[in-house]
C-alpha atoms as a PDB file:
ATOM      1  CA  MET A   1      22.065  22.600 -27.689  1.00  0.00           C
ATOM      2  CA  SER A   2      20.264  21.804 -24.354  1.00  0.00           C
ATOM      3  CA  THR A   3      21.718  18.864 -21.725  1.00  0.00           C
ATOM      4  CA  LYS A   4      18.798  17.060 -19.647  1.00  0.00           C
ATOM      5  CA  GLN A   5      19.274  18.942 -15.959  1.00  0.00           C
ATOM      6  CA  THR A   6      19.050  16.577 -12.710  1.00  0.00           C
ATOM      7  CA  VAL A   7      18.587  17.663  -9.033  1.00  0.00           C
ATOM      8  CA  PRO A   8      21.689  17.437  -7.555  1.00  0.00           C
ATOM      9  CA  GLY A   9      21.297  14.378  -5.134  1.00  0.00           C
ATOM     10  CA  THR A  10      18.801  12.558  -6.354  1.00  0.00           C
ATOM     11  CA  THR A  11      18.427   8.989  -8.074  1.00  0.00           C
ATOM     12  CA  PRO A  12      16.360   9.026 -11.462  1.00  0.00           C
ATOM     13  CA  PRO A  13      14.952   5.821 -12.683  1.00  0.00           C
ATOM     14  CA  THR A  14      17.201   2.821 -14.059  1.00  0.00           C
ATOM     15  CA  GLY A  15      14.774   0.595 -14.989  1.00  0.00           C
ATOM     16  CA  SER A  16      13.531  -1.346 -17.620  1.00  0.00           C
ATOM     17  CA  ILE A  17       9.993  -1.585 -19.338  1.00  0.00           C
ATOM     18  CA  TRP A  18      10.378  -5.531 -18.189  1.00  0.00           C
ATOM     19  CA  GLN A  19      10.569  -4.200 -14.867  1.00  0.00           C
ATOM     20  CA  LEU A  20       7.380  -1.882 -15.216  1.00  0.00           C
ATOM     21  CA  GLY A  21       5.809  -4.951 -17.082  1.00  0.00           C
ATOM     22  CA  LEU A  22       6.825  -7.522 -14.362  1.00  0.00           C
ATOM     23  CA  GLY A  23       5.985  -5.717 -11.309  1.00  0.00           C
ATOM     24  CA  LEU A  24       2.172  -4.505 -12.299  1.00  0.00           C
ATOM     25  CA  LEU A  25       1.567  -8.527 -14.011  1.00  0.00           C
ATOM     26  CA  LEU A  26       3.403 -10.040 -10.405  1.00  0.00           C
ATOM     27  CA  THR A  27       0.413 -10.314  -8.455  1.00  0.00           C
ATOM     28  CA  PRO A  28      -2.272 -11.296 -10.875  1.00  0.00           C
ATOM     29  CA  ALA A  29       0.725 -14.269 -12.372  1.00  0.00           C
ATOM     30  CA  VAL A  30       0.894 -15.665  -9.168  1.00  0.00           C
ATOM     31  CA  VAL A  31      -2.230 -15.427  -7.577  1.00  0.00           C
ATOM     32  CA  ALA A  32      -3.387 -17.425 -10.809  1.00  0.00           C
ATOM     33  CA  ILE A  33      -0.812 -20.388 -10.562  1.00  0.00           C
ATOM     34  CA  ALA A  34      -2.412 -19.979  -6.297  1.00  0.00           C
ATOM     35  CA  CYS A  35      -5.707 -20.048  -7.596  1.00  0.00           C
ATOM     36  CA  TYR A  36      -5.207 -23.622  -9.398  1.00  0.00           C
ATOM     37  CA  ALA A  37      -2.375 -25.171  -6.885  1.00  0.00           C
ATOM     38  CA  LEU A  38      -3.471 -24.182  -3.190  1.00  0.00           C
ATOM     39  CA  PRO A  39      -6.810 -25.478  -3.623  1.00  0.00           C
ATOM     40  CA  ASN A  40      -5.116 -29.192  -3.036  1.00  0.00           C
ATOM     41  CA  VAL A  41      -2.386 -28.395  -0.505  1.00  0.00           C
ATOM     42  CA  GLN A  42      -3.819 -29.390   2.578  1.00  0.00           C
ATOM     43  CA  VAL A  43      -2.615 -27.311   5.519  1.00  0.00           C
ATOM     44  CA  GLY A  44      -3.161 -26.159   9.207  1.00  0.00           C
ATOM     45  CA  THR A  45      -5.915 -23.436   9.846  1.00  0.00           C
ATOM     46  CA  SER A  46      -2.596 -21.173  11.036  1.00  0.00           C
ATOM     47  CA  ALA A  47      -0.538 -22.509   8.065  1.00  0.00           C
ATOM     48  CA  ALA A  48      -3.243 -21.209   5.083  1.00  0.00           C
ATOM     49  CA  ASN A  49      -3.748 -18.001   7.157  1.00  0.00           C
ATOM     50  CA  VAL A  50      -0.349 -16.906   6.739  1.00  0.00           C
ATOM     51  CA  THR A  51      -0.112 -17.948   3.328  1.00  0.00           C
ATOM     52  CA  ALA A  52      -2.943 -16.366   2.332  1.00  0.00           C
ATOM     53  CA  PHE A  53      -1.769 -13.090   4.529  1.00  0.00           C
ATOM     54  CA  ALA A  54       1.511 -13.087   2.784  1.00  0.00           C
ATOM     55  CA  GLY A  55       0.591 -13.856  -0.771  1.00  0.00           C
ATOM     56  CA  ALA A  56      -1.615 -10.843  -0.565  1.00  0.00           C
ATOM     57  CA  THR A  57       0.834  -8.664   0.943  1.00  0.00           C
ATOM     58  CA  LEU A  58       4.564  -9.730  -0.164  1.00  0.00           C
ATOM     59  CA  PHE A  59       3.349  -9.944  -3.842  1.00  0.00           C
ATOM     60  CA  PRO A  60       2.126  -6.482  -4.538  1.00  0.00           C
ATOM     61  CA  ILE A  61       4.959  -5.051  -2.503  1.00  0.00           C
ATOM     62  CA  LEU A  62       7.500  -6.566  -4.210  1.00  0.00           C
ATOM     63  CA  GLY A  63       5.384  -5.629  -7.625  1.00  0.00           C
ATOM     64  CA  LEU A  64       5.718  -1.906  -7.097  1.00  0.00           C
ATOM     65  CA  SER A  65       8.942  -2.389  -6.000  1.00  0.00           C
ATOM     66  CA  LEU A  66       9.772  -3.520  -9.140  1.00  0.00           C
ATOM     67  CA  ALA A  67       7.803  -1.099 -11.639  1.00  0.00           C
ATOM     68  CA  ALA A  68       8.500   2.068  -9.134  1.00  0.00           C
ATOM     69  CA  ARG A  69      12.106   1.408 -11.172  1.00  0.00           C
ATOM     70  CA  TYR A  70      10.597   2.602 -14.749  1.00  0.00           C
ATOM     71  CA  GLU A  71       9.374   6.624 -14.803  1.00  0.00           C
ATOM     72  CA  VAL A  72       6.735   7.355 -17.621  1.00  0.00           C
ATOM     73  CA  LYS A  73       5.333  10.793 -18.406  1.00  0.00           C
ATOM     74  CA  LEU A  74       2.389  11.676 -16.079  1.00  0.00           C
ATOM     75  CA  ALA A  75      -0.259  11.721 -18.558  1.00  0.00           C
ATOM     76  CA  LEU A  76       0.507   7.880 -19.191  1.00  0.00           C
ATOM     77  CA  ALA A  77       0.142   7.232 -15.836  1.00  0.00           C
ATOM     78  CA  LEU A  78      -2.760   9.517 -15.247  1.00  0.00           C
ATOM     79  CA  GLY A  79      -4.516   7.320 -18.282  1.00  0.00           C
ATOM     80  CA  VAL A  80      -3.305   4.294 -16.470  1.00  0.00           C
ATOM     81  CA  ALA A  81      -4.793   5.161 -13.023  1.00  0.00           C
ATOM     82  CA  ALA A  82      -8.017   6.095 -15.160  1.00  0.00           C
ATOM     83  CA  SER A  83      -8.495   3.057 -16.802  1.00  0.00           C
ATOM     84  CA  ALA A  84      -7.317   1.250 -14.169  1.00  0.00           C
ATOM     85  CA  ALA A  85     -10.311   2.598 -11.564  1.00  0.00           C
ATOM     86  CA  THR A  86     -12.612   2.612 -14.647  1.00  0.00           C
ATOM     87  CA  LEU A  87     -12.283  -1.076 -13.924  1.00  0.00           C
ATOM     88  CA  LEU A  88     -13.027  -1.285 -10.798  1.00  0.00           C
ATOM     89  CA  LEU A  89     -16.303   0.233 -10.748  1.00  0.00           C
ATOM     90  CA  ALA A  90     -16.766  -2.099 -13.589  1.00  0.00           C
ATOM     91  CA  LEU A  91     -16.306  -4.828 -11.551  1.00  0.00           C
ATOM     92  CA  VAL A  92     -18.932  -3.296  -8.723  1.00  0.00           C
ATOM     93  CA  LEU A  93     -21.548  -3.425 -11.179  1.00  0.00           C
ATOM     94  CA  VAL A  94     -20.870  -6.892 -13.695  1.00  0.00           C
ATOM     95  CA  GLN A  95     -19.651  -8.998 -11.048  1.00  0.00           C
ATOM     96  CA  PRO A  96     -17.976 -11.553 -13.314  1.00  0.00           C
ATOM     97  CA  ALA A  97     -17.012 -15.131 -11.786  1.00  0.00           C
ATOM     98  CA  PRO A  98     -14.654 -15.320  -8.294  1.00  0.00           C
ATOM     99  CA  ILE A  99     -11.383 -16.099 -10.183  1.00  0.00           C
ATOM    100  CA  ALA A 100     -11.683 -13.511 -12.736  1.00  0.00           C
ATOM    101  CA  THR A 101     -12.916 -10.470 -10.276  1.00  0.00           C
ATOM    102  CA  VAL A 102      -9.945 -11.566  -8.363  1.00  0.00           C
ATOM    103  CA  LEU A 103      -7.402 -11.480 -10.424  1.00  0.00           C
ATOM    104  CA  LEU A 104      -8.907  -8.002 -12.409  1.00  0.00           C
ATOM    105  CA  VAL A 105      -8.857  -6.571  -9.079  1.00  0.00           C
ATOM    106  CA  ASP A 106      -5.312  -7.554  -8.110  1.00  0.00           C
ATOM    107  CA  THR A 107      -4.406  -6.330 -11.273  1.00  0.00           C
ATOM    108  CA  ALA A 108      -6.346  -2.886 -11.054  1.00  0.00           C
ATOM    109  CA  LEU A 109      -5.511  -1.874  -7.644  1.00  0.00           C
ATOM    110  CA  VAL A 110      -1.512  -2.445  -8.366  1.00  0.00           C
ATOM    111  CA  CYS A 111      -1.774  -0.514 -11.491  1.00  0.00           C
ATOM    112  CA  LEU A 112      -3.661   2.262  -9.489  1.00  0.00           C
ATOM    113  CA  SER A 113      -1.191   2.625  -6.547  1.00  0.00           C
ATOM    114  CA  TRP A 114       1.926   2.420  -9.230  1.00  0.00           C
ATOM    115  CA  ALA A 115       0.511   5.096 -11.267  1.00  0.00           C
ATOM    116  CA  LEU A 116      -0.985   7.805  -8.650  1.00  0.00           C
ATOM    117  CA  GLY A 117       1.302   6.746  -5.493  1.00  0.00           C
ATOM    118  CA  GLY A 118       4.211   6.697  -7.738  1.00  0.00           C
ATOM    119  CA  SER A 119       3.381   9.953  -9.938  1.00  0.00           C
ATOM    120  CA  LEU A 120       2.940  11.742  -5.958  1.00  0.00           C
ATOM    121  CA  GLY A 121       6.406  10.068  -4.679  1.00  0.00           C
ATOM    122  CA  ARG A 122       8.580  11.057  -7.348  1.00  0.00           C
ATOM    123  CA  ARG A 123       7.238  14.670  -7.245  1.00  0.00           C
ATOM    124  CA  VAL A 124       8.035  15.103  -3.610  1.00  0.00           C
ATOM    125  CA  GLN A 125      11.046  17.889  -3.195  1.00  0.00           C
ATOM    126  CA  HIS A 126      12.755  16.654  -0.806  1.00  0.00           C
ATOM    127  CA  PRO A 127      13.072  13.078   1.166  1.00  0.00           C
ATOM    128  CA  ALA A 128      12.212  14.749   4.781  1.00  0.00           C
ATOM    129  CA  HIS A 129       8.619  15.165   3.727  1.00  0.00           C
ATOM    130  CA  LEU A 130       7.674  11.559   4.065  1.00  0.00           C
ATOM    131  CA  PHE A 131       8.301  12.135   8.071  1.00  0.00           C
ATOM    132  CA  PRO A 132       5.219  14.778   8.214  1.00  0.00           C
ATOM    133  CA  ALA A 133       3.213  12.060   5.358  1.00  0.00           C
ATOM    134  CA  CYS A 134       4.042   8.556   7.690  1.00  0.00           C
ATOM    135  CA  ILE A 135       2.225  10.747  10.411  1.00  0.00           C
ATOM    136  CA  VAL A 136      -0.537  12.553   8.595  1.00  0.00           C
ATOM    137  CA  ALA A 137      -0.895   8.569   6.921  1.00  0.00           C
ATOM    138  CA  ALA A 138      -1.175   6.146   9.997  1.00  0.00           C
ATOM    139  CA  SER A 139      -3.336   9.037  12.147  1.00  0.00           C
ATOM    140  CA  ALA A 140      -5.712   9.160   9.421  1.00  0.00           C
ATOM    141  CA  ASP A 141      -6.289   5.724   8.995  1.00  0.00           C
ATOM    142  CA  LEU A 142      -6.531   4.964  12.368  1.00  0.00           C
ATOM    143  CA  VAL A 143      -9.167   7.617  12.568  1.00  0.00           C
ATOM    144  CA  SER A 144     -10.892   6.228   9.466  1.00  0.00           C
ATOM    145  CA  LEU A 145     -11.159   2.528  10.591  1.00  0.00           C
ATOM    146  CA  LEU A 146     -12.373   3.406  14.332  1.00  0.00           C
ATOM    147  CA  SER A 147     -14.686   5.826  13.457  1.00  0.00           C
ATOM    148  CA  PRO A 148     -18.215   4.669  12.432  1.00  0.00           C
ATOM    149  CA  GLU A 149     -18.435   7.449   9.463  1.00  0.00           C
ATOM    150  CA  GLY A 150     -14.731   6.824   8.926  1.00  0.00           C
ATOM    151  CA  PRO A 151     -14.023   5.162   4.902  1.00  0.00           C
ATOM    152  CA  SER A 152     -11.971   2.683   6.298  1.00  0.00           C
ATOM    153  CA  HIS A 153     -14.342   1.105   8.962  1.00  0.00           C
ATOM    154  CA  ALA A 154     -16.948   1.377   6.046  1.00  0.00           C
ATOM    155  CA  ILE A 155     -14.867  -0.766   3.765  1.00  0.00           C
ATOM    156  CA  ALA A 156     -14.641  -3.312   6.461  1.00  0.00           C
ATOM    157  CA  LYS A 157     -18.104  -3.707   7.137  1.00  0.00           C
ATOM    158  CA  SER A 158     -18.804  -3.986   3.680  1.00  0.00           C
ATOM    159  CA  GLU A 159     -17.959  -7.461   1.651  1.00  0.00           C
ATOM    160  CA  ARG A 160     -18.989  -5.844  -1.439  1.00  0.00           C
ATOM    161  CA  ALA A 161     -16.681  -2.375  -1.086  1.00  0.00           C
ATOM    162  CA  LEU A 162     -13.724  -4.905   0.650  1.00  0.00           C
ATOM    163  CA  SER A 163     -14.159  -6.791  -3.090  1.00  0.00           C
ATOM    164  CA  VAL A 164     -12.838  -4.291  -4.984  1.00  0.00           C
ATOM    165  CA  LEU A 165     -10.593  -1.990  -2.330  1.00  0.00           C
ATOM    166  CA  ALA A 166      -8.472  -5.205  -1.035  1.00  0.00           C
ATOM    167  CA  VAL A 167      -5.610  -7.698  -2.456  1.00  0.00           C
ATOM    168  CA  TRP A 168      -6.912 -10.968  -2.532  1.00  0.00           C
ATOM    169  CA  PHE A 169      -5.025 -14.260  -2.151  1.00  0.00           C
ATOM    170  CA  PRO A 170      -6.241 -17.993  -2.387  1.00  0.00           C
ATOM    171  CA  VAL A 171      -6.507 -19.799   1.015  1.00  0.00           C
ATOM    172  CA  PRO A 172      -4.421 -23.297   0.821  1.00  0.00           C
ATOM    173  CA  GLY A 173      -6.987 -26.136   1.220  1.00  0.00           C
ATOM    174  CA  SER A 174      -9.827 -24.735   0.280  1.00  0.00           C
ATOM    175  CA  SER A 175     -11.803 -22.096  -2.514  1.00  0.00           C
ATOM    176  CA  ALA A 176     -11.667 -19.259  -0.851  1.00  0.00           C
ATOM    177  CA  VAL A 177      -9.654 -16.322  -1.043  1.00  0.00           C
ATOM    178  CA  ALA A 178      -8.736 -13.466   1.878  1.00  0.00           C
ATOM    179  CA  PRO A 179      -8.437  -9.801   1.890  1.00  0.00           C
ATOM    180  CA  ALA A 180      -5.386  -8.177   3.340  1.00  0.00           C
ATOM    181  CA  LEU A 181      -3.695  -4.656   1.977  1.00  0.00           C
ATOM    182  CA  GLY A 182      -6.230  -2.192   0.848  1.00  0.00           C
ATOM    183  CA  VAL A 183      -5.655   0.283  -1.708  1.00  0.00           C
ATOM    184  CA  GLY A 184      -4.587   2.908   0.645  1.00  0.00           C
ATOM    185  CA  ASP A 185      -1.609   0.873   2.062  1.00  0.00           C
ATOM    186  CA  LEU A 186      -0.422   0.282  -1.624  1.00  0.00           C
ATOM    187  CA  LEU A 187      -1.375   3.895  -2.929  1.00  0.00           C
ATOM    188  CA  PHE A 188       1.157   5.169   0.561  1.00  0.00           C
ATOM    189  CA  ILE A 189       3.272   2.272  -0.451  1.00  0.00           C
ATOM    190  CA  ALA A 190       3.903   3.336  -3.685  1.00  0.00           C
ATOM    191  CA  VAL A 191       4.757   6.834  -2.581  1.00  0.00           C
ATOM    192  CA  VAL A 192       7.599   5.521  -0.076  1.00  0.00           C
ATOM    193  CA  PHE A 193       8.927   3.788  -3.307  1.00  0.00           C
ATOM    194  CA  GLY A 194       8.918   6.484  -5.479  1.00  0.00           C
ATOM    195  CA  VAL A 195      10.314   9.055  -3.364  1.00  0.00           C
ATOM    196  CA  ALA A 196      13.327   6.729  -2.518  1.00  0.00           C
ATOM    197  CA  ARG A 197      14.038   5.912  -6.198  1.00  0.00           C
ATOM    198  CA  THR A 198      13.688   9.887  -6.493  1.00  0.00           C
ATOM    199  CA  HIS A 199      15.818  10.774  -3.882  1.00  0.00           C
ATOM    200  CA  GLY A 200      17.790   7.542  -3.260  1.00  0.00           C
ATOM    201  CA  LEU A 201      17.175   6.906  -0.378  1.00  0.00           C
ATOM    202  CA  PRO A 202      18.293   2.930   0.491  1.00  0.00           C
ATOM    203  CA  TYR A 203      16.076   1.470  -1.597  1.00  0.00           C
ATOM    204  CA  ALA A 204      16.331  -2.612  -0.789  1.00  0.00           C
ATOM    205  CA  ARG A 205      15.794  -0.726   2.884  1.00  0.00           C
ATOM    206  CA  CYS A 206      12.489   0.818   2.263  1.00  0.00           C
ATOM    207  CA  VAL A 207      11.386  -2.289   0.463  1.00  0.00           C
ATOM    208  CA  LEU A 208      11.992  -4.769   3.680  1.00  0.00           C
ATOM    209  CA  ALA A 209      10.410  -1.671   6.026  1.00  0.00           C
ATOM    210  CA  CYS A 210       7.067  -1.736   4.400  1.00  0.00           C
ATOM    211  CA  ALA A 211       7.536  -5.686   3.794  1.00  0.00           C
ATOM    212  CA  LEU A 212       8.356  -5.833   7.794  1.00  0.00           C
ATOM    213  CA  GLY A 213       4.944  -3.387   8.710  1.00  0.00           C
ATOM    214  CA  THR A 214       2.741  -5.289   7.005  1.00  0.00           C
ATOM    215  CA  ALA A 215       3.455  -8.484   8.531  1.00  0.00           C
ATOM    216  CA  LEU A 216       3.697  -6.869  12.020  1.00  0.00           C
ATOM    217  CA  ALA A 217       0.340  -5.431  11.148  1.00  0.00           C
ATOM    218  CA  GLY A 218      -0.919  -9.231   9.944  1.00  0.00           C
ATOM    219  CA  VAL A 219       0.862 -10.263  13.563  1.00  0.00           C
ATOM    220  CA  ALA A 220      -1.115  -7.644  15.256  1.00  0.00           C
ATOM    221  CA  ALA A 221      -4.328  -8.991  13.536  1.00  0.00           C
ATOM    222  CA  ALA A 222      -4.187 -12.217  13.876  1.00  0.00           C
ATOM    223  CA  TRP A 223      -3.109 -11.897  17.678  1.00  0.00           C
ATOM    224  CA  THR A 224      -6.094  -9.673  18.614  1.00  0.00           C
ATOM    225  CA  GLY A 225      -8.842 -10.935  16.010  1.00  0.00           C
ATOM    226  CA  LEU A 226      -9.761  -7.049  15.258  1.00  0.00           C
ATOM    227  CA  ALA A 227      -8.896  -5.186  11.763  1.00  0.00           C
ATOM    228  CA  VAL A 228      -5.583  -3.302  12.166  1.00  0.00           C
ATOM    229  CA  PRO A 229      -4.641  -0.361  10.676  1.00  0.00           C
ATOM    230  CA  ALA A 230      -1.995  -1.444   8.343  1.00  0.00           C
ATOM    231  CA  LEU A 231       0.085   2.314   7.735  1.00  0.00           C
ATOM    232  CA  VAL A 232       1.013   2.618  11.547  1.00  0.00           C
ATOM    233  CA  SER A 233       2.905  -0.179  11.785  1.00  0.00           C
ATOM    234  CA  ILE A 234       4.242   0.530   8.235  1.00  0.00           C
ATOM    235  CA  ALA A 235       4.751   4.483   9.303  1.00  0.00           C
ATOM    236  CA  ALA A 236       6.584   3.323  11.929  1.00  0.00           C
ATOM    237  CA  VAL A 237       9.026   0.915  10.889  1.00  0.00           C
ATOM    238  CA  LEU A 238      10.184   3.545   7.750  1.00  0.00           C
ATOM    239  CA  LEU A 239      10.682   6.041  10.695  1.00  0.00           C
ATOM    240  CA  LEU A 240      13.398   4.004  12.290  1.00  0.00           C
ATOM    241  CA  ALA A 241      14.675   2.319   9.009  1.00  0.00           C
ATOM    242  CA  LEU A 242      15.339   5.448   7.202  1.00  0.00           C
ATOM    243  CA  PRO A 243      17.430   8.474   9.119  1.00  0.00           C
ATOM    244  CA  ALA A 244      17.220  10.561   6.349  1.00  0.00           C
ATOM    245  CA  ILE A 245      13.324  11.076   6.046  1.00  0.00           C
ATOM    246  CA  ARG A 246      13.434  12.694  10.035  1.00  0.00           C
ATOM    247  CA  LYS A 247      16.179  15.487   9.033  1.00  0.00           C
ATOM    248  CA  LEU A 248      13.348  18.053   8.104  1.00  0.00           C
ATOM    249  CA  ARG A 249      14.502  21.083   6.612  1.00  0.00           C
ATOM    250  CA  ARG A 250      14.311  24.143   8.711  1.00  0.00           C
ATOM    251  CA  ALA A 251      11.785  25.790   6.580  1.00  0.00           C
ATOM    252  CA  ASP A 252       9.606  22.822   6.620  1.00  0.00           C
ATOM    253  CA  ARG A 253       9.632  22.376  10.382  1.00  0.00           C
ATOM    254  CA  GLY A 254       6.618  25.009  10.905  1.00  0.00           C
ATOM    255  CA  ALA A 255       4.578  23.214   9.139  1.00  0.00           C
ATOM    256  CA  ALA A 256       5.387  20.055   9.249  1.00  0.00           C
ATOM    257  CA  ARG A 257       5.439  20.216  12.989  1.00  0.00           C
ATOM    258  CA  TRP A 258       1.441  21.393  13.176  1.00  0.00           C
ATOM    259  CA  SER A 259       0.413  18.830  10.894  1.00  0.00           C
ATOM    260  CA  MET A 260       1.730  15.890  12.174  1.00  0.00           C
ATOM    261  CA  LEU A 261      -0.072  17.528  15.838  1.00  0.00           C
ATOM    262  CA  ILE A 262      -3.360  18.022  14.510  1.00  0.00           C
ATOM    263  CA  ALA A 263      -2.935  14.620  12.739  1.00  0.00           C
ATOM    264  CA  SER A 264      -1.579  12.658  16.121  1.00  0.00           C
ATOM    265  CA  SER A 265      -4.637  14.573  18.190  1.00  0.00           C
ATOM    266  CA  VAL A 266      -7.111  13.724  16.016  1.00  0.00           C
ATOM    267  CA  ALA A 267      -5.764   9.775  16.165  1.00  0.00           C
ATOM    268  CA  ILE A 268      -5.926  10.039  20.467  1.00  0.00           C
ATOM    269  CA  ALA A 269      -9.101  11.910  20.628  1.00  0.00           C
ATOM    270  CA  THR A 270     -10.191   8.619  18.568  1.00  0.00           C
ATOM    271  CA  VAL A 271      -8.238   6.264  19.957  1.00  0.00           C
ATOM    272  CA  ALA A 272      -9.368   7.359  23.187  1.00  0.00           C
ATOM    273  CA  ARG A 273     -13.311   7.694  22.201  1.00  0.00           C
ATOM    274  CA  THR A 274     -13.125   4.475  21.473  1.00  0.00           C
ATOM    275  CA  LEU A 275     -11.992   3.180  24.583  1.00  0.00           C
ATOM    276  CA  LEU A 276     -14.358   4.700  26.676  1.00  0.00           C
ATOM    277  CA  GLY A 277     -16.600   3.448  24.321  1.00  0.00           C
ATOM    278  CA  ARG A 278     -16.381  -0.253  25.402  1.00  0.00           C
ATOM    279  CA  PHE A 279     -16.593   0.780  29.134  1.00  0.00           C
END
């Protein structure tokens, strides 16, 4: 007779298949309704921009938080990820009608992030591993956006790449759609949710921290008129809101400190190079 073994101090996912379905389909469902209703809603420019940004960030985060409650086998998760990636590639080649593209891209990005990010997060051995992960991810996002050769920089400059690598939401009072969270942001958020579910971190606080970090990035972008790496503010809020992830085990401190030092040094050097290049 065998019994299922659980790791002490962890909380296995307790969600249902309905939560998974709702989580994965929430964003495209809301976007479909918004594509029908929002063009007829006349508001000011600021309110329209805030609505579009909020829709393209809050619904994917909420959807991922619901989907992360349900765990599937790794093989199935990888199958979902491969299918989502194939769909994105097909959209680049085929380019269907704008509304159909938005719905399919948003669906594929949420599914891809849940499948890859969630699976990775559930396999993180200790919650404090999020500490160096936050620093490295934030530094990488900053470098990628500021460096001319960085992937984020290239995506931000390419309308075609951005069309399949970011979540889009309709702008009220028009037929336009606007992008917000990119695939890298969604993947990291899904990793955080996976770690939180597996290791019993305060789940609601994790979700709120990700939403607040994203909102801060949006405010900074609106204020400066520049593209802002969302992972910087998301990581900062997570580190402030979750004291448990700052408690590195003695065995992990050496590798964690070196990874954070190297990543942050590269980020600081990149920022300095960017600033000097403007003078």
